[in-house]
Amino acid sequence: MSPIDPVVDREVKRRRTFAIISHPDAGKTTLTEKLLLYGGMLEVAGAIRGRKSQRAVTSDWMELERQRGISVSSTVLTFDFDDCRVNLLDTPGHHDFSEDTYRTLVASDCAVMVIDLAKGVETQTEKLFRVCALRKIPVITFVNKVDRPGQQTLDVLNDVETKLGIEAVPQNWPLGIGGEFCGVVDFDTFTAHVFDDKQGERRVVARSMPLSEVNDERMRPEMLQQTRDEMELIHTAGTTFDEARFRRGEITPVFFGSALTNFGVEHFLRGFLKLCPTPSDRNSDVGPVQVNRSDFAGFVFKIQANLDPRHRDRVAFLRICAGKFEREMEVLHPRTGKRIKLKRAHKVFGQDRETMDEAFPGDIIGLVNPGEFHLGDTICIGEPVQFESLPQFSPEHFAVLRCRDTSRRKQFTRGLEQLIEEGAIQTFVDPHAMQRESILGAVGALQFDVVRFRLESEYNTPTDITSMPFSLARWIVQSTPEDLREARVPYGAKVVRDQLGCLAMLFASPWDANYFEREHPKIKLSSIRETVKLPGQEQLPVAGDD
């Protein structure tokens, strides 16, 4: 075991790195803005503090996001609050979210799950929660829009437990619902925090008092009594918070509030900082890597091309996992065996950036990337290590993209290669086809629009798209050449290689995939591709070859 570096150890204890996940329209982006507001990064929600130009929404910087009013790309936002360095990873919330979301969750130590009081746990929330469960990422729940008519609070807790299979442990309770919502009550102390103003664009201050002394004219007496009765019921019969169970993903702390009016947002932020785990040791091919050692190590979880369209640059987002980062340091790139000097490292806030001189585990830095780094790459000092790889999930939509203007073919190819490098899209090629045309695969159909928009806006290459009759991919993780040659491939299915050369099969329906597996038990398929398998990670198979 490496000796503990006291400076790194101190800074690790200050870090909180988390992602926000939700179904579309649950209020994730609004909550993100309000956390930045209370973190001091905004004077008014939606406007960056300082000399930078104002924005409608800080986290949605891509032009397509502003045109459609949705988030389609993950964004890193950093601020300090109560002596904590908070690294907030905002993820796409549209129902056609991309693998960008999956990769961002892998770079997080915790996830905040935003739920609409009226709608409860929705489909997208379930999908993202499963990714958290797969990676054993603790989840904290924020029930939003309590200022609007919705379900009863007890029903929302039951919905979380029923659909997600996790126990919900309230940390506060709303004073009223809908038009009667006027504050929140702490479960530990039964202290009520009552709000008088609804200045959603600015910070609001609450009046604190014992719950027994609350007598707000905005609440009917029976509603106030219902709040007291529900809290007594949960306090007596409910599950108590247990940190070990929380970290194992067995329980989720629940906060109530309204991101729109700011009611409960500051109390949620303070409560979250107490519960969110600090960065911890990460698994690698040589065992756990000690987070508070002196030797630096981190991995690339996101690559963004043209973050600054004026310079046509590519930025590799690196999650620091161990040791101290210093500008100009020389690191080892284990995949290539090269040593690289990190000359240009940035702290990224949305689309803006500033030079970063030092950083610690939990921090996210942007490395200007002329092509050395790929998604999932580890860089380190000392003995070479490889952190657990980024999972690639089965696409659900497939298409062929063609350049409309043949004179722009070179720009089209270069732009598509960069977008593939970012992980914005997956590609598959039939190795036996006469014309090796790439089949694009996406987790959500919106990703095709993103790729086409960026090719046209960033590379001036208009494209046409043709849908393909596939609905899922399965990677071949165990087989022999003989088994594959003799396999009876269902009509409409296709054996292909992905962009890394791994064998896969494209199927028209889940029924076809299940039928193939039943008929060919010696050929093992997986809906997830992992480039590296680590000890104790048997549920994530390595993609095989022929």
Protein backbone atom coordinates (compact mmCIF):
# COMPACT_ATOMS: atom_id res chain seq x y z
CA MET A 1 0.00 0.00 0.00
CA SER A 2 1.30 3.45 -0.95
CA PRO A 3 1.91 6.00 1.83
CA ILE A 4 -0.89 8.49 2.39
CA ASP A 5 -0.21 11.99 1.08
CA PRO A 6 -1.63 14.36 3.75
CA VAL A 7 -2.36 17.15 1.25
CA VAL A 8 -4.22 14.79 -1.10
CA ASP A 9 -6.05 13.21 1.85
CA ARG A 10 -7.24 16.63 3.06
CA GLU A 11 -8.44 17.67 -0.39
CA VAL A 12 -10.20 14.34 -1.01
CA LYS A 13 -12.34 14.91 2.09
CA ARG A 14 -13.50 18.24 0.61
CA ARG A 15 -14.62 16.76 -2.73
CA ARG A 16 -18.16 15.82 -3.74
CA THR A 17 -18.54 14.59 -7.32
CA PHE A 18 -22.02 13.63 -8.50
CA ALA A 19 -24.31 13.39 -11.51
CA ILE A 20 -27.93 14.48 -11.77
CA ILE A 21 -30.29 12.05 -13.53
CA SER A 22 -33.99 12.23 -14.31
CA HIS A 23 -36.77 11.63 -16.79
CA PRO A 24 -37.39 14.56 -19.19
CA ASP A 25 -39.24 17.52 -17.66
CA ALA A 26 -38.72 16.43 -14.05
CA GLY A 27 -36.83 19.69 -13.41
CA LYS A 28 -33.24 18.47 -13.57
CA THR A 29 -31.85 21.49 -15.40
CA THR A 30 -33.76 23.89 -13.15
CA LEU A 31 -32.36 22.16 -10.06
CA THR A 32 -28.86 22.36 -11.56
CA GLU A 33 -29.22 26.10 -12.06
CA LYS A 34 -30.47 26.58 -8.49
CA LEU A 35 -27.57 24.60 -7.02
CA LEU A 36 -25.23 26.92 -8.92
CA LEU A 37 -27.22 29.87 -7.59
CA TYR A 38 -26.74 28.79 -3.98
CA GLY A 39 -23.15 27.80 -4.74
CA GLY A 40 -22.42 31.42 -5.64
CA MET A 41 -21.73 30.80 -9.34
CA LEU A 42 -24.82 32.73 -10.43
CA GLU A 43 -26.27 36.02 -9.27
CA VAL A 44 -29.55 35.22 -11.01
CA ALA A 45 -30.57 31.75 -12.16
CA GLY A 46 -29.65 31.38 -15.83
CA ALA A 47 -26.92 34.03 -15.88
CA ILE A 48 -23.24 33.31 -15.19
CA ARG A 49 -21.66 35.54 -12.59
CA GLY A 50 -18.82 37.70 -13.87
CA ARG A 51 -17.71 39.08 -17.22
CA LYS A 52 -18.85 36.16 -19.36
CA SER A 53 -21.83 36.54 -21.64
CA GLN A 54 -25.19 35.67 -20.16
CA ARG A 55 -26.91 32.42 -21.05
CA ALA A 56 -30.46 31.16 -20.95
CA VAL A 57 -29.24 28.04 -19.16
CA THR A 58 -25.66 27.53 -18.00
CA SER A 59 -25.48 23.78 -18.53
CA ASP A 60 -27.11 23.77 -21.99
CA TRP A 61 -24.39 25.40 -24.11
CA MET A 62 -24.72 23.55 -27.43
CA GLU A 63 -26.74 25.44 -30.07
CA LEU A 64 -28.99 22.44 -30.69
CA GLU A 65 -29.81 22.33 -26.96
CA ARG A 66 -30.94 25.94 -27.00
CA GLN A 67 -32.97 25.53 -30.16
CA ARG A 68 -34.91 22.60 -28.72
CA GLY A 69 -34.80 23.48 -25.02
CA ILE A 70 -33.32 20.12 -24.03
CA SER A 71 -29.98 18.78 -22.75
CA VAL A 72 -28.17 16.46 -25.16
CA SER A 73 -24.59 16.63 -23.87
CA SER A 74 -23.11 16.13 -20.41
CA THR A 75 -21.64 19.25 -18.82
CA VAL A 76 -19.17 19.75 -15.96
CA LEU A 77 -19.99 22.51 -13.44
CA THR A 78 -17.79 23.20 -10.39
CA PHE A 79 -18.40 25.40 -7.36
CA ASP A 80 -17.47 25.71 -3.67
CA PHE A 81 -20.00 25.55 -0.83
CA ASP A 82 -19.44 25.17 2.93
CA ASP A 83 -15.72 24.37 2.39
CA CYS A 84 -16.61 21.62 -0.09
CA ARG A 85 -15.49 21.52 -3.73
CA VAL A 86 -18.59 20.37 -5.60
CA ASN A 87 -18.19 18.83 -9.07
CA LEU A 88 -21.63 18.60 -10.67
CA LEU A 89 -21.95 16.48 -13.81
CA ASP A 90 -25.16 17.46 -15.56
CA THR A 91 -26.41 14.67 -17.84
CA PRO A 92 -28.80 14.65 -20.82
CA GLY A 93 -32.40 14.38 -19.65
CA HIS A 94 -34.13 13.81 -22.99
CA HIS A 95 -35.76 10.39 -23.40
CA ASP A 96 -33.39 9.76 -26.32
CA PHE A 97 -30.36 10.19 -24.06
CA SER A 98 -26.96 9.04 -25.28
CA GLU A 99 -24.20 6.91 -23.86
CA ASP A 100 -22.70 10.19 -22.69
CA THR A 101 -25.02 9.75 -19.69
CA TYR A 102 -23.74 6.25 -18.94
CA ARG A 103 -20.12 7.33 -19.08
CA THR A 104 -20.75 10.36 -16.89
CA LEU A 105 -22.31 8.16 -14.21
CA VAL A 106 -19.16 6.01 -14.17
CA ALA A 107 -17.14 9.16 -13.41
CA SER A 108 -19.39 10.05 -10.44
CA ASP A 109 -19.27 9.03 -6.79
CA CYS A 110 -22.99 9.58 -6.28
CA ALA A 111 -26.14 10.34 -8.27
CA VAL A 112 -29.01 12.71 -7.54
CA MET A 113 -32.26 11.30 -8.93
CA VAL A 114 -34.86 14.00 -9.63
CA ILE A 115 -38.50 12.86 -9.55
CA ASP A 116 -41.63 14.82 -10.45
CA LEU A 117 -44.11 14.64 -7.55
CA ALA A 118 -47.03 14.28 -9.94
CA LYS A 119 -45.48 11.55 -12.14
CA GLY A 120 -43.31 9.58 -9.73
CA VAL A 121 -40.69 7.20 -11.12
CA GLU A 122 -40.80 7.29 -14.93
CA THR A 123 -39.23 5.09 -17.61
CA GLN A 124 -36.07 7.09 -18.13
CA THR A 125 -35.48 7.30 -14.40
CA GLU A 126 -35.69 3.51 -14.14
CA LYS A 127 -33.15 3.03 -16.96
CA LEU A 128 -30.65 5.40 -15.41
CA PHE A 129 -31.17 3.94 -11.95
CA ARG A 130 -30.27 0.49 -13.33
CA VAL A 131 -26.94 1.89 -14.55
CA CYS A 132 -26.28 3.24 -11.04
CA ALA A 133 -27.15 -0.15 -9.56
CA LEU A 134 -24.85 -1.88 -12.06
CA ARG A 135 -21.93 0.28 -10.96
CA LYS A 136 -22.98 0.38 -7.28
CA ILE A 137 -23.33 4.18 -7.33
CA PRO A 138 -25.25 5.51 -4.28
CA VAL A 139 -28.41 7.45 -5.17
CA ILE A 140 -29.96 10.44 -3.37
CA THR A 141 -33.52 11.37 -4.41
CA PHE A 142 -34.96 14.87 -4.80
CA VAL A 143 -38.75 14.93 -5.22
CA ASN A 144 -39.39 18.10 -7.21
CA LYS A 145 -42.42 20.26 -8.08
CA VAL A 146 -44.02 19.94 -4.66
CA ASP A 147 -45.46 23.41 -5.29
CA ARG A 148 -47.76 21.86 -7.90
CA PRO A 149 -50.65 19.42 -7.49
CA GLY A 150 -49.37 15.85 -7.42
CA GLN A 151 -49.40 12.51 -5.69
CA GLN A 152 -49.49 12.12 -1.96
CA THR A 153 -45.99 12.09 -0.53
CA LEU A 154 -46.36 8.59 0.92
CA ASP A 155 -47.43 7.33 -2.52
CA VAL A 156 -44.23 8.73 -4.08
CA LEU A 157 -42.10 6.87 -1.53
CA ASN A 158 -44.01 3.67 -2.31
CA ASP A 159 -43.49 4.25 -6.05
CA VAL A 160 -39.71 4.52 -5.54
CA GLU A 161 -39.58 1.33 -3.50
CA THR A 162 -41.88 -0.66 -5.81
CA LYS A 163 -40.33 0.28 -9.17
CA LEU A 164 -36.68 0.53 -8.17
CA GLY A 165 -36.46 -2.09 -5.42
CA ILE A 166 -34.76 0.30 -3.03
CA GLU A 167 -35.96 1.59 0.35
CA ALA A 168 -36.77 5.29 0.50
CA VAL A 169 -35.66 7.10 3.66
CA PRO A 170 -37.04 10.69 3.92
CA GLN A 171 -34.63 13.32 5.20
CA ASN A 172 -37.22 16.09 5.18
CA TRP A 173 -40.98 16.40 4.63
CA PRO A 174 -42.99 19.06 2.80
CA LEU A 175 -45.25 21.49 4.63
CA GLY A 176 -48.23 21.21 2.32
CA ILE A 177 -48.52 20.31 -1.36
CA GLY A 178 -49.43 22.42 -4.39
CA GLY A 179 -50.59 25.92 -3.56
CA GLU A 180 -50.29 25.17 0.15
CA PHE A 181 -46.60 24.23 -0.03
CA CYS A 182 -44.76 26.72 2.16
CA GLY A 183 -41.69 24.91 3.52
CA VAL A 184 -39.94 21.72 4.59
CA VAL A 185 -39.40 19.96 7.92
CA ASP A 186 -36.17 18.22 8.99
CA PHE A 187 -36.75 14.64 10.07
CA ASP A 188 -33.90 14.58 12.59
CA THR A 189 -35.02 17.60 14.60
CA PHE A 190 -38.65 18.21 13.47
CA THR A 191 -37.54 21.78 12.72
CA ALA A 192 -39.71 23.52 10.12
CA HIS A 193 -38.25 25.93 7.56
CA VAL A 194 -41.00 28.23 6.29
CA PHE A 195 -40.55 30.37 3.16
CA ASP A 196 -42.28 33.69 2.59
CA ASP A 197 -41.04 34.74 -0.86
CA LYS A 198 -41.24 32.96 -4.19
CA GLN A 199 -38.30 34.68 -5.87
CA GLY A 200 -37.31 31.75 -8.04
CA GLU A 201 -34.46 33.62 -9.72
CA ARG A 202 -32.74 34.61 -6.47
CA ARG A 203 -31.79 32.96 -3.19
CA VAL A 204 -34.59 32.83 -0.62
CA VAL A 205 -34.26 32.64 3.17
CA ALA A 206 -36.50 30.56 5.43
CA ARG A 207 -37.84 31.19 8.91
CA SER A 208 -36.97 28.22 11.16
CA MET A 209 -39.11 27.06 14.08
CA PRO A 210 -40.27 23.83 15.76
CA LEU A 211 -42.95 22.01 13.77
CA SER A 212 -45.30 22.29 16.74
CA GLU A 213 -45.22 26.11 16.41
CA VAL A 214 -46.06 26.28 12.69
CA ASN A 215 -49.36 28.04 12.06
CA ASP A 216 -49.17 29.29 8.49
CA GLU A 217 -52.30 30.80 6.98
CA ARG A 218 -51.42 29.31 3.58
CA MET A 219 -52.08 25.81 4.95
CA ARG A 220 -55.44 24.43 5.98
CA PRO A 221 -55.35 23.12 9.59
CA GLU A 222 -56.09 19.60 8.35
CA MET A 223 -53.14 19.74 5.91
CA LEU A 224 -50.82 20.84 8.70
CA GLN A 225 -52.12 18.03 10.91
CA GLN A 226 -51.62 15.55 8.05
CA THR A 227 -47.97 16.62 7.81
CA ARG A 228 -47.48 16.00 11.52
CA ASP A 229 -49.24 12.63 11.38
CA GLU A 230 -47.24 11.44 8.36
CA MET A 231 -43.96 12.41 9.97
CA GLU A 232 -44.87 10.64 13.20
CA LEU A 233 -45.85 7.53 11.22
CA ILE A 234 -42.59 7.43 9.27
CA HIS A 235 -40.54 8.29 12.33
CA THR A 236 -42.10 5.37 14.19
CA ALA A 237 -42.38 2.73 11.49
CA GLY A 238 -40.05 3.85 8.68
CA THR A 239 -36.50 2.81 7.84
CA THR A 240 -33.75 4.84 9.46
CA PHE A 241 -30.76 6.06 7.47
CA ASP A 242 -27.77 3.71 7.50
CA GLU A 243 -24.64 4.91 5.73
CA ALA A 244 -23.36 1.40 4.92
CA ARG A 245 -26.68 0.42 3.33
CA PHE A 246 -26.77 3.71 1.42
CA ARG A 247 -23.31 3.10 -0.04
CA ARG A 248 -24.33 -0.43 -1.03
CA GLY A 249 -27.31 0.99 -2.90
CA GLU A 250 -29.94 -0.58 -0.63
CA ILE A 251 -31.56 2.69 0.49
CA THR A 252 -31.98 6.17 -0.98
CA PRO A 253 -32.28 9.31 1.16
CA VAL A 254 -35.23 11.42 -0.05
CA PHE A 255 -35.60 15.22 0.00
CA PHE A 256 -38.68 17.21 -1.02
CA GLY A 257 -38.74 20.70 -2.51
CA SER A 258 -39.37 22.96 -5.49
CA ALA A 259 -36.49 23.93 -7.73
CA LEU A 260 -38.68 26.53 -9.44
CA THR A 261 -39.44 28.52 -6.25
CA ASN A 262 -36.18 27.55 -4.45
CA PHE A 263 -38.18 26.14 -1.52
CA GLY A 264 -36.00 23.46 0.06
CA VAL A 265 -33.12 23.74 -2.43
CA GLU A 266 -30.55 25.10 0.03
CA HIS A 267 -31.57 22.53 2.66
CA PHE A 268 -31.23 19.81 0.06
CA LEU A 269 -27.75 21.07 -0.90
CA ARG A 270 -26.56 21.08 2.70
CA GLY A 271 -28.07 17.66 3.37
CA PHE A 272 -26.62 16.26 0.18
CA LEU A 273 -23.09 17.42 1.06
CA LYS A 274 -23.32 15.55 4.37
CA LEU A 275 -24.49 12.32 2.70
CA CYS A 276 -22.57 12.28 -0.61
CA PRO A 277 -19.53 9.98 -0.41
CA THR A 278 -16.11 11.49 -0.88
CA PRO A 279 -13.88 9.99 -3.62
CA SER A 280 -12.70 6.49 -2.71
CA ASP A 281 -10.29 3.84 -4.02
CA ARG A 282 -11.09 2.70 -7.57
CA ASN A 283 -10.72 -0.79 -8.93
CA SER A 284 -8.13 -1.48 -11.62
CA ASP A 285 -6.38 -4.34 -13.36
CA VAL A 286 -3.83 -4.42 -10.49
CA GLY A 287 -6.39 -4.11 -7.69
CA PRO A 288 -7.76 -1.04 -5.86
CA VAL A 289 -5.84 2.19 -6.52
CA GLN A 290 -5.47 4.19 -3.31
CA VAL A 291 -7.24 7.54 -3.67
CA ASN A 292 -5.01 9.49 -1.22
CA ARG A 293 -1.65 8.32 -2.52
CA SER A 294 0.80 10.86 -3.94
CA ASP A 295 1.08 9.33 -7.45
CA PHE A 296 -1.47 10.77 -9.87
CA ALA A 297 -3.95 8.61 -11.83
CA GLY A 298 -7.20 9.27 -13.70
CA PHE A 299 -9.31 8.14 -16.66
CA VAL A 300 -10.94 9.77 -19.68
CA PHE A 301 -14.74 9.48 -19.57
CA LYS A 302 -15.76 12.05 -22.19
CA ILE A 303 -14.32 13.61 -25.34
CA GLN A 304 -15.91 16.74 -26.78
CA ALA A 305 -14.94 18.07 -30.19
CA ASN A 306 -15.34 21.75 -31.08
CA LEU A 307 -16.12 22.89 -27.55
CA ASP A 308 -14.67 26.14 -28.93
CA PRO A 309 -15.73 26.13 -32.63
CA ARG A 310 -13.25 28.92 -33.38
CA HIS A 311 -10.31 26.62 -32.67
CA ARG A 312 -11.68 23.23 -33.83
CA ASP A 313 -10.27 21.68 -30.68
CA ARG A 314 -10.99 18.43 -28.87
CA VAL A 315 -11.12 18.27 -25.09
CA ALA A 316 -10.70 15.02 -23.16
CA PHE A 317 -12.53 15.17 -19.81
CA LEU A 318 -10.49 13.35 -17.18
CA ARG A 319 -11.79 12.17 -13.81
CA ILE A 320 -8.92 12.28 -11.30
CA CYS A 321 -8.96 9.12 -9.18
CA ALA A 322 -5.72 9.29 -7.18
CA GLY A 323 -2.91 11.66 -6.24
CA LYS A 324 -2.36 15.28 -7.19
CA PHE A 325 -2.52 16.72 -10.70
CA GLU A 326 -0.12 19.55 -11.55
CA ARG A 327 0.10 21.46 -14.79
CA GLU A 328 3.10 20.57 -16.98
CA MET A 329 3.45 17.18 -15.26
CA GLU A 330 4.61 14.21 -17.33
CA VAL A 331 2.39 11.15 -17.22
CA LEU A 332 2.37 7.61 -18.58
CA HIS A 333 -0.27 6.61 -21.11
CA PRO A 334 -0.48 2.81 -20.49
CA ARG A 335 -2.48 2.02 -23.65
CA THR A 336 0.27 3.38 -25.91
CA GLY A 337 3.23 3.17 -23.53
CA LYS A 338 4.05 6.81 -24.27
CA ARG A 339 4.97 9.53 -21.83
CA ILE A 340 2.99 12.75 -22.32
CA LYS A 341 3.49 16.21 -20.87
CA LEU A 342 0.14 17.74 -19.88
CA LYS A 343 0.70 21.31 -20.99
CA ARG A 344 -2.85 22.50 -21.50
CA ALA A 345 -5.28 21.54 -18.75
CA HIS A 346 -8.47 23.45 -18.01
CA LYS A 347 -11.15 23.80 -15.41
CA VAL A 348 -14.36 23.61 -17.43
CA PHE A 349 -17.58 25.39 -16.49
CA GLY A 350 -20.18 24.67 -19.16
CA GLN A 351 -18.56 25.96 -22.35
CA ASP A 352 -16.14 28.27 -20.53
CA ARG A 353 -12.70 27.23 -19.36
CA GLU A 354 -9.76 28.52 -17.37
CA THR A 355 -6.24 27.18 -16.86
CA MET A 356 -5.97 24.57 -14.09
CA ASP A 357 -2.70 24.50 -12.12
CA GLU A 358 -3.59 21.70 -9.71
CA ALA A 359 -6.43 19.30 -9.02
CA PHE A 360 -7.24 16.37 -6.74
CA PRO A 361 -9.28 13.13 -6.75
CA GLY A 362 -12.89 13.83 -7.61
CA ASP A 363 -12.03 16.82 -9.78
CA ILE A 364 -12.72 16.90 -13.51
CA ILE A 365 -10.13 18.50 -15.77
CA GLY A 366 -10.24 19.15 -19.49
CA LEU A 367 -7.14 18.16 -21.46
CA VAL A 368 -6.73 19.65 -24.91
CA ASN A 369 -6.57 16.48 -26.95
CA PRO A 370 -4.94 16.44 -30.40
CA GLY A 371 -5.69 12.72 -30.68
CA GLU A 372 -3.69 10.93 -27.96
CA PHE A 373 -6.63 10.08 -25.72
CA HIS A 374 -9.53 7.72 -26.32
CA LEU A 375 -12.60 7.11 -24.19
CA GLY A 376 -11.71 4.93 -21.21
CA ASP A 377 -7.97 5.65 -21.35
CA THR A 378 -6.11 5.73 -18.04
CA ILE A 379 -3.16 8.09 -17.52
CA CYS A 380 -0.96 7.86 -14.45
CA ILE A 381 2.38 8.35 -12.73
CA GLY A 382 4.33 5.37 -11.43
CA GLU A 383 3.40 1.78 -12.20
CA PRO A 384 0.95 1.47 -15.14
CA VAL A 385 -2.67 0.77 -14.22
CA GLN A 386 -5.91 0.45 -16.15
CA PHE A 387 -9.13 1.53 -14.42
CA GLU A 388 -12.37 -0.31 -15.05
CA SER A 389 -13.47 0.29 -18.60
CA LEU A 390 -16.45 2.30 -19.74
CA PRO A 391 -19.39 0.08 -20.67
CA GLN A 392 -20.83 0.36 -24.16
CA PHE A 393 -24.54 -0.46 -24.25
CA SER A 394 -26.59 -1.95 -27.03
CA PRO A 395 -27.94 0.60 -29.52
CA GLU A 396 -31.67 0.58 -30.15
CA HIS A 397 -31.67 2.60 -33.37
CA PHE A 398 -29.64 2.00 -36.54
CA ALA A 399 -29.12 4.01 -39.72
CA VAL A 400 -26.75 4.71 -42.60
CA LEU A 401 -25.55 8.30 -42.97
CA ARG A 402 -24.46 9.58 -46.36
CA CYS A 403 -22.78 12.80 -47.39
CA ARG A 404 -25.15 14.80 -49.61
CA ASP A 405 -22.34 16.78 -51.28
CA THR A 406 -19.62 14.51 -52.69
CA SER A 407 -17.16 17.44 -52.77
CA ARG A 408 -17.39 17.55 -48.96
CA ARG A 409 -16.62 13.84 -48.55
CA LYS A 410 -13.28 14.42 -46.83
CA GLN A 411 -14.83 16.81 -44.28
CA PHE A 412 -17.71 14.37 -43.75
CA THR A 413 -15.32 11.51 -43.02
CA ARG A 414 -13.18 13.60 -40.67
CA GLY A 415 -16.22 14.92 -38.78
CA LEU A 416 -17.80 11.49 -38.43
CA GLU A 417 -14.51 10.03 -37.17
CA GLN A 418 -14.31 12.71 -34.49
CA LEU A 419 -17.90 12.13 -33.40
CA ILE A 420 -17.26 8.40 -33.20
CA GLU A 421 -14.16 9.09 -31.12
CA GLU A 422 -16.35 11.13 -28.75
CA GLY A 423 -18.71 8.18 -28.38
CA ALA A 424 -21.61 10.20 -29.78
CA ILE A 425 -22.46 7.27 -32.03
CA GLN A 426 -21.44 3.63 -32.52
CA THR A 427 -20.47 2.10 -35.85
CA PHE A 428 -20.71 -1.41 -37.24
CA VAL A 429 -19.36 -2.81 -40.50
CA ASP A 430 -20.20 -6.05 -42.30
CA PRO A 431 -16.69 -7.48 -42.95
CA HIS A 432 -17.99 -9.63 -45.82
CA ALA A 433 -19.96 -6.95 -47.66
CA MET A 434 -18.80 -5.85 -51.11
CA GLN A 435 -19.31 -2.20 -50.12
CA ARG A 436 -18.20 -1.65 -46.52
CA GLU A 437 -20.69 1.06 -45.57
CA SER A 438 -20.79 1.89 -41.88
CA ILE A 439 -24.01 1.22 -40.00
CA LEU A 440 -24.48 3.78 -37.24
CA GLY A 441 -26.01 2.69 -33.94
CA ALA A 442 -27.44 4.93 -31.22
CA VAL A 443 -28.99 4.34 -27.81
CA GLY A 444 -31.53 7.07 -28.63
CA ALA A 445 -32.75 8.30 -32.01
CA LEU A 446 -31.99 11.89 -30.99
CA GLN A 447 -28.29 11.07 -31.35
CA PHE A 448 -28.73 10.85 -35.13
CA ASP A 449 -30.10 14.40 -35.09
CA VAL A 450 -27.15 15.50 -32.94
CA VAL A 451 -24.64 13.93 -35.34
CA ARG A 452 -26.32 15.42 -38.41
CA PHE A 453 -26.62 18.85 -36.78
CA ARG A 454 -22.98 18.89 -35.74
CA LEU A 455 -21.76 17.64 -39.12
CA GLU A 456 -23.64 20.47 -40.82
CA SER A 457 -22.88 23.24 -38.31
CA GLU A 458 -19.27 22.33 -37.46
CA TYR A 459 -18.05 20.70 -40.69
CA ASN A 460 -20.42 22.22 -43.29
CA THR A 461 -21.47 18.79 -44.54
CA PRO A 462 -25.25 18.27 -45.03
CA THR A 463 -26.22 14.59 -44.80
CA ASP A 464 -29.03 12.19 -45.65
CA ILE A 465 -30.02 9.37 -43.31
CA THR A 466 -31.59 6.00 -44.04
CA SER A 467 -33.00 3.90 -41.21
CA MET A 468 -31.95 0.27 -40.93
CA PRO A 469 -34.28 -2.58 -39.84
CA PHE A 470 -32.42 -3.49 -36.64
CA SER A 471 -33.50 -2.86 -33.05
CA LEU A 472 -30.59 -4.17 -30.97
CA ALA A 473 -26.97 -5.30 -31.01
CA ARG A 474 -25.43 -8.20 -29.12
CA TRP A 475 -21.68 -8.62 -28.76
CA ILE A 476 -20.23 -12.11 -29.19
CA VAL A 477 -18.32 -12.77 -25.98
CA GLN A 478 -17.69 -16.50 -26.36
CA SER A 479 -17.48 -18.59 -29.51
CA THR A 480 -15.19 -20.55 -31.81
CA PRO A 481 -14.66 -19.98 -35.54
CA GLU A 482 -16.36 -23.32 -36.22
CA ASP A 483 -19.43 -22.39 -34.17
CA LEU A 484 -19.78 -19.10 -36.04
CA ARG A 485 -19.37 -20.69 -39.47
CA GLU A 486 -22.05 -23.27 -38.71
CA ALA A 487 -24.45 -20.84 -36.99
CA ARG A 488 -27.87 -20.29 -38.56
CA VAL A 489 -28.25 -16.52 -38.56
CA PRO A 490 -31.93 -15.45 -38.49
CA TYR A 491 -33.34 -13.73 -41.56
CA GLY A 492 -32.63 -10.03 -41.34
CA ALA A 493 -29.84 -10.40 -38.76
CA LYS A 494 -26.23 -9.56 -39.55
CA VAL A 495 -22.78 -10.47 -38.15
CA VAL A 496 -20.64 -7.31 -37.94
CA ARG A 497 -17.61 -5.74 -36.29
CA ASP A 498 -17.83 -2.58 -34.21
CA GLN A 499 -15.41 0.36 -34.31
CA LEU A 500 -12.98 -1.49 -32.03
CA GLY A 501 -13.05 -4.62 -34.16
CA CYS A 502 -15.18 -6.64 -31.73
CA LEU A 503 -17.61 -9.15 -33.23
CA ALA A 504 -21.30 -8.42 -32.77
CA MET A 505 -24.68 -9.35 -34.21
CA LEU A 506 -27.46 -6.98 -35.22
CA PHE A 507 -31.01 -8.29 -34.77
CA ALA A 508 -34.37 -7.03 -35.95
CA SER A 509 -36.09 -7.88 -32.66
CA PRO A 510 -35.43 -9.26 -29.16
CA TRP A 511 -37.29 -12.41 -30.24
CA ASP A 512 -34.66 -13.05 -32.95
CA ALA A 513 -31.83 -12.57 -30.45
CA ASN A 514 -33.43 -14.92 -27.90
CA TYR A 515 -34.10 -17.52 -30.62
CA PHE A 516 -30.47 -17.40 -31.78
CA GLU A 517 -29.21 -17.88 -28.21
CA ARG A 518 -31.51 -20.87 -27.65
CA GLU A 519 -30.44 -22.49 -30.92
CA HIS A 520 -26.71 -21.84 -30.35
CA PRO A 521 -25.93 -22.34 -26.65
CA LYS A 522 -22.16 -22.42 -27.31
CA ILE A 523 -22.22 -18.85 -28.63
CA LYS A 524 -22.53 -16.38 -25.75
CA LEU A 525 -23.94 -12.92 -26.44
CA SER A 526 -23.98 -9.78 -24.31
CA SER A 527 -25.88 -6.48 -24.49
CA ILE A 528 -22.87 -4.69 -22.95
CA ARG A 529 -19.35 -4.46 -24.33
CA GLU A 530 -16.45 -4.06 -21.91
CA THR A 531 -12.91 -3.57 -23.21
CA VAL A 532 -11.33 -4.65 -19.92
CA LYS A 533 -12.53 -7.15 -17.31
CA LEU A 534 -11.36 -6.60 -13.77
CA PRO A 535 -11.40 -8.95 -10.77
CA GLY A 536 -14.91 -9.32 -9.36
CA GLN A 537 -16.53 -7.89 -12.51
CA GLU A 538 -17.86 -11.11 -13.98
CA GLN A 539 -21.25 -9.57 -14.80
CA LEU A 540 -19.61 -7.31 -17.41
CA PRO A 541 -18.16 -9.62 -20.10
CA VAL A 542 -15.33 -8.82 -22.44
CA ALA A 543 -16.22 -8.69 -26.10
CA GLY A 544 -14.68 -11.66 -27.87
CA ASP A 545 -13.13 -12.30 -31.25
CA ASP A 546 -13.29 -15.04 -33.82
